[in-house]
C-alpha atoms as a PDB file:
ATOM      1  CA  MET A   1      33.348  30.931  42.754  1.00  0.00           C
ATOM      2  CA  ASP A   2      31.348  30.103  39.581  1.00  0.00           C
ATOM      3  CA  SER A   3      29.883  26.686  39.603  1.00  0.00           C
ATOM      4  CA  PRO A   4      30.493  24.697  36.276  1.00  0.00           C
ATOM      5  CA  GLY A   5      27.127  25.152  34.754  1.00  0.00           C
ATOM      6  CA  ALA A   6      27.441  28.779  35.386  1.00  0.00           C
ATOM      7  CA  ARG A   7      30.701  29.112  33.517  1.00  0.00           C
ATOM      8  CA  LEU A   8      29.009  26.835  30.805  1.00  0.00           C
ATOM      9  CA  LYS A   9      26.324  29.562  30.360  1.00  0.00           C
ATOM     10  CA  GLN A  10      28.729  32.299  30.289  1.00  0.00           C
ATOM     11  CA  LEU A  11      30.718  31.003  27.540  1.00  0.00           C
ATOM     12  CA  ARG A  12      27.686  30.454  25.505  1.00  0.00           C
ATOM     13  CA  LEU A  13      26.368  34.206  25.967  1.00  0.00           C
ATOM     14  CA  GLU A  14      30.119  35.060  25.061  1.00  0.00           C
ATOM     15  CA  LYS A  15      29.530  33.458  21.839  1.00  0.00           C
ATOM     16  CA  GLY A  16      26.399  35.594  21.315  1.00  0.00           C
ATOM     17  CA  CYS A  17      24.452  31.853  21.130  1.00  0.00           C
ATOM     18  CA  THR A  18      20.981  31.592  22.292  1.00  0.00           C
ATOM     19  CA  LEU A  19      19.705  28.404  23.734  1.00  0.00           C
ATOM     20  CA  GLU A  20      17.485  27.724  20.338  1.00  0.00           C
ATOM     21  CA  GLU A  21      20.726  28.065  18.587  1.00  0.00           C
ATOM     22  CA  ALA A  22      22.805  25.641  21.139  1.00  0.00           C
ATOM     23  CA  HIS A  23      19.479  23.100  20.654  1.00  0.00           C
ATOM     24  CA  ARG A  24      19.765  23.117  16.717  1.00  0.00           C
ATOM     25  CA  LYS A  25      23.740  22.717  16.576  1.00  0.00           C
ATOM     26  CA  THR A  26      23.919  19.942  19.347  1.00  0.00           C
ATOM     27  CA  ARG A  27      20.828  18.421  19.362  1.00  0.00           C
ATOM     28  CA  ILE A  28      20.195  18.433  22.835  1.00  0.00           C
ATOM     29  CA  ASN A  29      17.139  19.105  24.138  1.00  0.00           C
ATOM     30  CA  ILE A  30      16.829  22.700  25.413  1.00  0.00           C
ATOM     31  CA  HIS A  31      15.399  21.613  29.099  1.00  0.00           C
ATOM     32  CA  ILE A  32      18.644  19.564  29.396  1.00  0.00           C
ATOM     33  CA  ILE A  33      20.743  22.418  28.382  1.00  0.00           C
ATOM     34  CA  LYS A  34      19.128  24.738  30.716  1.00  0.00           C
ATOM     35  CA  ALA A  35      19.430  21.903  33.337  1.00  0.00           C
ATOM     36  CA  ILE A  36      23.177  21.564  32.923  1.00  0.00           C
ATOM     37  CA  GLU A  37      23.669  25.402  32.746  1.00  0.00           C
ATOM     38  CA  GLU A  38      21.744  25.651  36.327  1.00  0.00           C
ATOM     39  CA  ASP A  39      23.551  22.588  37.766  1.00  0.00           C
ATOM     40  CA  SER A  40      20.412  20.840  38.745  1.00  0.00           C
ATOM     41  CA  VAL A  41      20.763  17.746  36.760  1.00  0.00           C
ATOM     42  CA  ALA A  42      19.577  15.521  39.690  1.00  0.00           C
ATOM     43  CA  ASN A  43      16.543  14.353  37.570  1.00  0.00           C
ATOM     44  CA  ILE A  44      18.639  13.200  34.383  1.00  0.00           C
ATOM     45  CA  ASN A  45      20.319   9.806  34.067  1.00  0.00           C
ATOM     46  CA  PRO A  46      23.893   9.959  34.774  1.00  0.00           C
ATOM     47  CA  VAL A  47      24.514   7.788  31.942  1.00  0.00           C
ATOM     48  CA  TYR A  48      22.995  10.009  29.570  1.00  0.00           C
ATOM     49  CA  LEU A  49      23.945  13.148  31.158  1.00  0.00           C
ATOM     50  CA  LYS A  50      27.749  12.598  31.116  1.00  0.00           C
ATOM     51  CA  GLY A  51      27.412  11.884  26.938  1.00  0.00           C
ATOM     52  CA  PHE A  52      25.206  15.586  26.865  1.00  0.00           C
ATOM     53  CA  ILE A  53      27.930  17.215  28.704  1.00  0.00           C
ATOM     54  CA  LYS A  54      30.614  16.291  26.394  1.00  0.00           C
ATOM     55  CA  ILE A  55      28.655  17.287  23.652  1.00  0.00           C
ATOM     56  CA  TYR A  56      27.847  20.610  24.753  1.00  0.00           C
ATOM     57  CA  CYS A  57      31.487  21.285  25.848  1.00  0.00           C
ATOM     58  CA  VAL A  58      32.726  20.308  22.434  1.00  0.00           C
ATOM     59  CA  PHE A  59      30.333  22.810  21.015  1.00  0.00           C
ATOM     60  CA  LEU A  60      31.310  25.617  23.445  1.00  0.00           C
ATOM     61  CA  GLY A  61      35.239  24.767  22.749  1.00  0.00           C
ATOM     62  CA  VAL A  62      35.612  23.193  26.424  1.00  0.00           C
ATOM     63  CA  ASP A  63      37.390  20.486  27.558  1.00  0.00           C
ATOM     64  CA  ALA A  64      34.609  18.137  29.246  1.00  0.00           C
ATOM     65  CA  ALA A  65      37.464  16.688  31.706  1.00  0.00           C
ATOM     66  CA  GLU A  66      37.972  20.227  33.069  1.00  0.00           C
ATOM     67  CA  TYR A  67      34.056  20.435  33.576  1.00  0.00           C
ATOM     68  CA  PHE A  68      34.012  17.159  35.645  1.00  0.00           C
ATOM     69  CA  ARG A  69      36.830  18.027  37.737  1.00  0.00           C
ATOM     70  CA  SER A  70      34.897  20.911  39.051  1.00  0.00           C
ATOM     71  CA  GLU A  71      31.790  19.136  39.229  1.00  0.00           C
ATOM     72  CA  ALA A  72      33.191  16.577  41.594  1.00  0.00           C
ATOM     73  CA  PRO A  73      33.084  18.589  44.952  1.00  0.00           C
ATOM     74  CA  SER A  74      29.695  19.512  44.400  1.00  0.00           C
ATOM     75  CA  ALA A  75      28.656  15.922  43.276  1.00  0.00           C
ATOM     76  CA  ALA A  76      30.047  14.501  46.853  1.00  0.00           C
ATOM     77  CA  ARG A  77      28.027  17.072  48.876  1.00  0.00           C
ATOM     78  CA  PRO A  78      25.659  15.056  51.247  1.00  0.00           C
ATOM     79  CA  GLU A  79      22.319  14.359  50.308  1.00  0.00           C
ATOM     80  CA  GLN A  80      20.627  16.430  53.146  1.00  0.00           C
ATOM     81  CA  GLU A  81      21.855  19.796  51.481  1.00  0.00           C
ATOM     82  CA  ILE A  82      19.450  18.919  48.574  1.00  0.00           C
ATOM     83  CA  GLN A  83      15.950  20.410  49.433  1.00  0.00           C
ATOM     84  CA  PRO A  84      12.963  18.408  48.314  1.00  0.00           C
ATOM     85  CA  PRO A  85      10.049  19.917  46.756  1.00  0.00           C
ATOM     86  CA  SER A  86       7.282  21.386  49.176  1.00  0.00           C
ATOM     87  CA  ALA A  87       4.188  19.548  49.355  1.00  0.00           C
ATOM     88  CA  SER A  88       2.285  22.627  47.431  1.00  0.00           C
ATOM     89  CA  GLU A  89       4.736  21.785  44.343  1.00  0.00           C
ATOM     90  CA  GLU A  90       3.353  19.034  42.028  1.00  0.00           C
ATOM     91  CA  LYS A  91       5.601  17.133  39.573  1.00  0.00           C
ATOM     92  CA  VAL A  92       4.471  15.995  35.955  1.00  0.00           C
ATOM     93  CA  THR A  93       7.031  13.555  34.039  1.00  0.00           C
ATOM     94  CA  LYS A  94       7.412  15.140  30.702  1.00  0.00           C
ATOM     95  CA  PRO A  95       9.188  13.083  28.327  1.00  0.00           C
ATOM     96  CA  LEU A  96      12.050  14.691  26.053  1.00  0.00           C
ATOM     97  CA  HIS A  97      11.631  14.067  22.552  1.00  0.00           C
ATOM     98  CA  GLY A  98      14.700  11.686  21.036  1.00  0.00           C
ATOM     99  CA  THR A  99      16.612  11.230  24.421  1.00  0.00           C
ATOM    100  CA  GLY A 100      14.903   8.321  26.105  1.00  0.00           C
ATOM    101  CA  LEU A 101      14.955  10.887  29.508  1.00  0.00           C
ATOM    102  CA  LYS A 102      12.367  12.373  31.388  1.00  0.00           C
ATOM    103  CA  VAL A 103      12.519  15.659  33.461  1.00  0.00           C
ATOM    104  CA  THR A 104       9.827  16.678  36.157  1.00  0.00           C
ATOM    105  CA  PRO A 105       9.249  20.185  36.194  1.00  0.00           C
ATOM    106  CA  ARG A 106       7.600  21.806  39.017  1.00  0.00           C
ATOM    107  CA  ASN A 107       3.981  23.549  39.392  1.00  0.00           C
ATOM    108  CA  ALA A 108       2.851  21.582  36.133  1.00  0.00           C
ATOM    109  CA  PRO A 109      -0.703  20.860  35.998  1.00  0.00           C
ATOM    110  CA  ARG A 110      -1.679  17.096  35.986  1.00  0.00           C
ATOM    111  CA  PHE A 111      -3.133  15.812  32.864  1.00  0.00           C
ATOM    112  CA  ARG A 112      -5.989  12.946  33.474  1.00  0.00           C
ATOM    113  CA  ILE A 113      -8.579  11.482  30.987  1.00  0.00           C
ATOM    114  CA  ASN A 114     -12.247  11.271  32.609  1.00  0.00           C
ATOM    115  CA  PRO A 115     -12.680   7.659  32.714  1.00  0.00           C
ATOM    116  CA  GLY A 116     -16.368   8.265  31.412  1.00  0.00           C
ATOM    117  CA  VAL A 117     -15.171   9.909  28.140  1.00  0.00           C
ATOM    118  CA  MET A 118     -12.548   6.499  27.471  1.00  0.00           C
ATOM    119  CA  LYS A 119     -15.658   4.541  28.016  1.00  0.00           C
ATOM    120  CA  ILE A 120     -17.458   6.786  25.347  1.00  0.00           C
ATOM    121  CA  ILE A 121     -14.564   6.716  22.909  1.00  0.00           C
ATOM    122  CA  ALA A 122     -14.465   2.983  23.026  1.00  0.00           C
ATOM    123  CA  ALA A 123     -18.298   2.502  22.314  1.00  0.00           C
ATOM    124  CA  VAL A 124     -18.057   4.557  19.454  1.00  0.00           C
ATOM    125  CA  ILE A 125     -14.973   2.893  17.991  1.00  0.00           C
ATOM    126  CA  ALA A 126     -16.933  -0.494  18.562  1.00  0.00           C
ATOM    127  CA  ALA A 127     -20.066   0.674  16.879  1.00  0.00           C
ATOM    128  CA  LEU A 128     -18.164   1.975  13.714  1.00  0.00           C
ATOM    129  CA  PHE A 129     -16.200  -1.397  13.355  1.00  0.00           C
ATOM    130  CA  LEU A 130     -19.669  -3.445  14.163  1.00  0.00           C
ATOM    131  CA  LEU A 131     -21.388  -1.199  11.056  1.00  0.00           C
ATOM    132  CA  PHE A 132     -18.570  -1.715   8.911  1.00  0.00           C
ATOM    133  CA  ILE A 133     -18.633  -5.392   9.494  1.00  0.00           C
ATOM    134  CA  ALA A 134     -22.470  -5.281   8.797  1.00  0.00           C
ATOM    135  CA  GLY A 135     -21.597  -3.446   5.595  1.00  0.00           C
ATOM    136  CA  LYS A 136     -19.192  -6.079   4.142  1.00  0.00           C
ATOM    137  CA  ILE A 137     -21.614  -8.770   4.970  1.00  0.00           C
ATOM    138  CA  GLY A 138     -24.773  -7.127   3.167  1.00  0.00           C
ATOM    139  CA  ALA A 139     -22.540  -6.492  -0.004  1.00  0.00           C
ATOM    140  CA  PHE A 140     -21.491 -10.184   0.097  1.00  0.00           C
ATOM    141  CA  LEU A 141     -24.856 -11.461   0.441  1.00  0.00           C
ATOM    142  CA  LYS A 142     -26.207  -8.811  -2.184  1.00  0.00           C
ATOM    143  CA  ASN A 143     -23.777  -9.580  -4.811  1.00  0.00           C
ATOM    144  CA  LYS A 144     -23.929 -13.405  -4.474  1.00  0.00           C
ATOM    145  CA  PRO A 145     -27.214 -14.320  -6.101  1.00  0.00           C
ATOM    146  CA  ALA A 146     -26.076 -12.277  -9.148  1.00  0.00           C
ATOM    147  CA  LYS A 147     -23.193 -14.283  -9.780  1.00  0.00           C
ATOM    148  CA  ARG A 148     -25.075 -17.691  -9.932  1.00  0.00           C
ATOM    149  CA  ALA A 149     -27.364 -16.028 -12.447  1.00  0.00           C
ATOM    150  CA  VAL A 150     -24.339 -15.369 -14.749  1.00  0.00           C
ATOM    151  CA  LEU A 151     -23.115 -18.804 -14.422  1.00  0.00           C
ATOM    152  CA  ALA A 152     -26.768 -20.187 -14.921  1.00  0.00           C
ATOM    153  CA  VAL A 153     -27.236 -18.332 -18.291  1.00  0.00           C
ATOM    154  CA  GLN A 154     -23.318 -19.074 -19.862  1.00  0.00           C
ATOM    155  CA  PRO A 155     -24.009 -22.668 -20.423  1.00  0.00           C
ATOM    156  CA  ARG A 156     -27.412 -21.874 -22.286  1.00  0.00           C
ATOM    157  CA  ALA A 157     -25.830 -19.466 -24.865  1.00  0.00           C
ATOM    158  CA  ALA A 158     -22.983 -21.880 -25.529  1.00  0.00           C
ATOM    159  CA  THR A 159     -24.924 -24.837 -26.203  1.00  0.00           C
ATOM    160  CA  ARG A 160     -26.863 -22.914 -28.947  1.00  0.00           C
ATOM    161  CA  ALA A 161     -24.121 -22.037 -31.113  1.00  0.00           C
ATOM    162  CA  LEU A 162     -22.901 -25.956 -30.898  1.00  0.00           C
ATOM    163  CA  PRO A 163     -24.125 -29.084 -32.667  1.00  0.00           C
ATOM    164  CA  THR A 164     -25.659 -31.585 -30.011  1.00  0.00           C
ATOM    165  CA  LYS A 165     -22.872 -34.202 -28.854  1.00  0.00           C
ATOM    166  CA  LYS A 166     -25.369 -37.411 -29.142  1.00  0.00           C
ATOM    167  CA  SER A 167     -25.701 -36.674 -33.128  1.00  0.00           C
ATOM    168  CA  LYS A 168     -22.302 -38.955 -34.481  1.00  0.00           C
ATOM    169  CA  SER A 169     -23.435 -37.853 -38.017  1.00  0.00           C
ATOM    170  CA  ALA A 170     -23.528 -33.871 -37.223  1.00  0.00           C
ATOM    171  CA  ARG A 171     -22.057 -32.237 -39.875  1.00  0.00           C
ATOM    172  CA  PRO A 172     -19.473 -29.125 -39.299  1.00  0.00           C
ATOM    173  CA  ALA A 173     -21.024 -25.636 -38.387  1.00  0.00           C
ATOM    174  CA  GLU A 174     -20.942 -23.669 -41.590  1.00  0.00           C
ATOM    175  CA  GLN A 175     -22.005 -19.855 -41.789  1.00  0.00           C
ATOM    176  CA  SER A 176     -21.637 -17.449 -44.652  1.00  0.00           C
ATOM    177  CA  PHE A 177     -21.114 -13.487 -44.619  1.00  0.00           C
ATOM    178  CA  PRO A 178     -20.704 -10.946 -46.924  1.00  0.00           C
ATOM    179  CA  GLN A 179     -17.533 -10.372 -48.906  1.00  0.00           C
ATOM    180  CA  SER A 180     -15.728  -7.156 -49.027  1.00  0.00           C
ATOM    181  CA  ALA A 181     -15.193  -4.913 -52.249  1.00  0.00           C
ATOM    182  CA  ASP A 182     -11.724  -5.743 -52.554  1.00  0.00           C
ATOM    183  CA  SER A 183     -12.389  -9.633 -52.028  1.00  0.00           C
ATOM    184  CA  GLU A 184     -10.335  -9.616 -48.908  1.00  0.00           C
ATOM    185  CA  ILE A 185     -11.242 -11.588 -45.662  1.00  0.00           C
ATOM    186  CA  ARG A 186     -11.302  -8.776 -42.632  1.00  0.00           C
ATOM    187  CA  LEU A 187     -11.386 -10.657 -39.293  1.00  0.00           C
ATOM    188  CA  VAL A 188     -11.480  -9.192 -35.652  1.00  0.00           C
ATOM    189  CA  ILE A 189     -10.926 -11.567 -32.461  1.00  0.00           C
ATOM    190  CA  ARG A 190     -12.519  -9.985 -29.468  1.00  0.00           C
ATOM    191  CA  ALA A 191     -11.716 -12.011 -25.814  1.00  0.00           C
ATOM    192  CA  LYS A 192     -14.152 -11.844 -23.249  1.00  0.00           C
ATOM    193  CA  GLU A 193     -11.895 -13.730 -21.141  1.00  0.00           C
ATOM    194  CA  ASP A 194      -7.931 -15.131 -21.755  1.00  0.00           C
ATOM    195  CA  CYS A 195      -8.010 -17.497 -24.438  1.00  0.00           C
ATOM    196  CA  TRP A 196      -4.973 -19.028 -26.374  1.00  0.00           C
ATOM    197  CA  VAL A 197      -5.116 -18.319 -30.126  1.00  0.00           C
ATOM    198  CA  ASN A 198      -3.506 -19.440 -32.948  1.00  0.00           C
ATOM    199  CA  LEU A 199      -4.017 -18.171 -36.333  1.00  0.00           C
ATOM    200  CA  LYS A 200      -2.338 -19.034 -40.015  1.00  0.00           C
ATOM    201  CA  ALA A 201      -3.501 -16.851 -42.744  1.00  0.00           C
ATOM    202  CA  ASP A 202      -2.748 -17.771 -46.550  1.00  0.00           C
ATOM    203  CA  GLY A 203      -0.583 -20.482 -45.209  1.00  0.00           C
ATOM    204  CA  LYS A 204       1.425 -18.359 -42.885  1.00  0.00           C
ATOM    205  CA  VAL A 205       1.342 -18.156 -39.162  1.00  0.00           C
ATOM    206  CA  VAL A 206      -0.006 -14.462 -37.972  1.00  0.00           C
ATOM    207  CA  PHE A 207      -0.432 -15.268 -34.774  1.00  0.00           C
ATOM    208  CA  ARG A 208       0.331 -17.371 -31.876  1.00  0.00           C
ATOM    209  CA  SER A 209      -0.271 -16.188 -28.439  1.00  0.00           C
ATOM    210  CA  LEU A 210      -2.400 -15.665 -25.346  1.00  0.00           C
ATOM    211  CA  LEU A 211      -5.220 -13.124 -26.023  1.00  0.00           C
ATOM    212  CA  ARG A 212      -5.794 -11.210 -23.018  1.00  0.00           C
ATOM    213  CA  LYS A 213      -9.452 -10.260 -21.598  1.00  0.00           C
ATOM    214  CA  GLY A 214     -11.023  -7.110 -23.066  1.00  0.00           C
ATOM    215  CA  ARG A 215      -8.288  -7.223 -26.065  1.00  0.00           C
ATOM    216  CA  PHE A 216      -8.639  -7.501 -29.694  1.00  0.00           C
ATOM    217  CA  GLU A 217      -6.602  -8.238 -32.864  1.00  0.00           C
ATOM    218  CA  ASN A 218      -7.405  -7.268 -36.680  1.00  0.00           C
ATOM    219  CA  PHE A 219      -6.345  -9.700 -39.295  1.00  0.00           C
ATOM    220  CA  ILE A 220      -6.582  -9.204 -43.405  1.00  0.00           C
ATOM    221  CA  PHE A 221      -5.922 -11.987 -45.412  1.00  0.00           C
ATOM    222  CA  LYS A 222      -6.973 -12.916 -49.276  1.00  0.00           C
ATOM    223  CA  ASP A 223      -8.003 -16.602 -49.325  1.00  0.00           C
ATOM    224  CA  LYS A 224      -8.312 -18.686 -46.208  1.00  0.00           C
ATOM    225  CA  GLY A 225      -7.787 -18.614 -42.294  1.00  0.00           C
ATOM    226  CA  GLU A 226      -7.125 -21.202 -40.166  1.00  0.00           C
ATOM    227  CA  LEU A 227      -7.999 -20.467 -36.622  1.00  0.00           C
ATOM    228  CA  SER A 228      -7.402 -22.647 -33.449  1.00  0.00           C
ATOM    229  CA  LEU A 229      -8.687 -21.563 -30.263  1.00  0.00           C
ATOM    230  CA  GLY A 230      -7.960 -22.754 -26.643  1.00  0.00           C
ATOM    231  CA  ASN A 231     -11.414 -21.485 -25.339  1.00  0.00           C
ATOM    232  CA  ALA A 232     -13.716 -21.284 -27.656  1.00  0.00           C
ATOM    233  CA  GLY A 233     -16.654 -19.587 -25.467  1.00  0.00           C
ATOM    234  CA  ALA A 234     -14.139 -16.815 -24.501  1.00  0.00           C
ATOM    235  CA  VAL A 235     -13.699 -15.039 -27.948  1.00  0.00           C
ATOM    236  CA  GLU A 236     -15.983 -13.309 -30.300  1.00  0.00           C
ATOM    237  CA  LEU A 237     -15.494 -13.064 -33.965  1.00  0.00           C
ATOM    238  CA  GLU A 238     -16.493 -10.106 -36.295  1.00  0.00           C
ATOM    239  CA  ILE A 239     -15.751 -11.678 -40.341  1.00  0.00           C
ATOM    240  CA  ASN A 240     -16.219  -8.918 -42.769  1.00  0.00           C
ATOM    241  CA  GLY A 241     -18.796  -6.827 -40.565  1.00  0.00           C
ATOM    242  CA  LYS A 242     -20.703  -9.878 -39.753  1.00  0.00           C
ATOM    243  CA  PHE A 243     -20.834 -10.624 -35.816  1.00  0.00           C
ATOM    244  CA  ILE A 244     -20.312 -14.355 -34.667  1.00  0.00           C
ATOM    245  CA  PRO A 245     -20.494 -14.583 -30.540  1.00  0.00           C
ATOM    246  CA  ASN A 246     -20.332 -17.897 -29.991  1.00  0.00           C
ATOM    247  CA  LEU A 247     -18.238 -20.612 -31.598  1.00  0.00           C
ATOM    248  CA  GLY A 248     -18.206 -23.239 -28.676  1.00  0.00           C
ATOM    249  CA  ARG A 249     -18.480 -23.543 -24.875  1.00  0.00           C
ATOM    250  CA  ARG A 250     -16.679 -22.064 -22.090  1.00  0.00           C
ATOM    251  CA  GLY A 251     -13.211 -24.131 -21.659  1.00  0.00           C
ATOM    252  CA  GLN A 252     -13.953 -26.257 -25.021  1.00  0.00           C
ATOM    253  CA  ALA A 253     -10.903 -26.298 -27.233  1.00  0.00           C
ATOM    254  CA  LEU A 254     -11.596 -25.993 -30.883  1.00  0.00           C
ATOM    255  CA  LYS A 255      -9.165 -26.461 -34.123  1.00  0.00           C
ATOM    256  CA  ASN A 256      -9.592 -26.403 -37.605  1.00  0.00           C
ATOM    257  CA  ILE A 257     -11.912 -23.444 -38.031  1.00  0.00           C
ATOM    258  CA  ILE A 258     -11.717 -22.426 -41.342  1.00  0.00           C
ATOM    259  CA  ILE A 259     -12.289 -18.883 -42.603  1.00  0.00           C
ATOM    260  CA  SER A 260     -12.799 -18.322 -46.482  1.00  0.00           C
ATOM    261  CA  ARG A 261     -14.558 -16.737 -49.017  1.00  0.00           C
ATOM    262  CA  LYS A 262     -17.104 -19.398 -49.018  1.00  0.00           C
ATOM    263  CA  GLY A 263     -17.745 -18.677 -45.244  1.00  0.00           C
ATOM    264  CA  LEU A 264     -17.230 -20.292 -41.750  1.00  0.00           C
ATOM    265  CA  GLU A 265     -16.604 -24.109 -40.994  1.00  0.00           C
ATOM    266  CA  ILE A 266     -15.818 -25.533 -37.816  1.00  0.00           C
ATOM    267  CA  GLY A 267     -14.362 -29.358 -37.824  1.00  0.00           C
ATOM    268  CA  ARG A 268     -15.565 -31.909 -35.731  1.00  0.00           C
END
């Protein structure tokens, strides 16, 4: 009498289905399908095995209960009938992907990593990590003095453009600039850093917003512009083609900057 696994294999062959096709349609590992058909399921966890058999029987159109009824006598055989593998047969545990199970095929070679190779790999990884840390520290030390130099120069450039604070009688700064051919005032505001800008041109507010670093705005008006800055050292002005790099210190708020045909006046 044929075993339950042999009958399942016969049904698969009658359907003209290969092991690969059965694997693709049932998602059961090929090694498990072969083990079920060959009735060599001793190394498969019974909990998982029952689910695999049900899936495979549904695929072949067989009632799983009939399989388990026919399998019961063979499962009740005494353990001494199962012949253990010979001493010359080696076992290697191979994981079955996606199942959480393991099958131990016979006569498979053992794969071991030489401890010396592992030590060399660990030493190479450690050396690469130390080189990476050393590069980061070197880059930090290299860039740190340059930042200090920039911070030392900025206050000097700002103080040259402003009147001294100690002089109480200092008058507002005045600068003249060339007139355009059509008697209009052309103003360009460039932001070296983020700066709040409020501009009123000919009595109307034309800009009141935060001017982001690297951005610029163009304005044209006829008679007078009234400019207020939240960070005087963060902007540069260009009036009718004349470049005005500094209006105040970094972080200094300036109001009542008058731009007219007479020139530029910075109120106290």
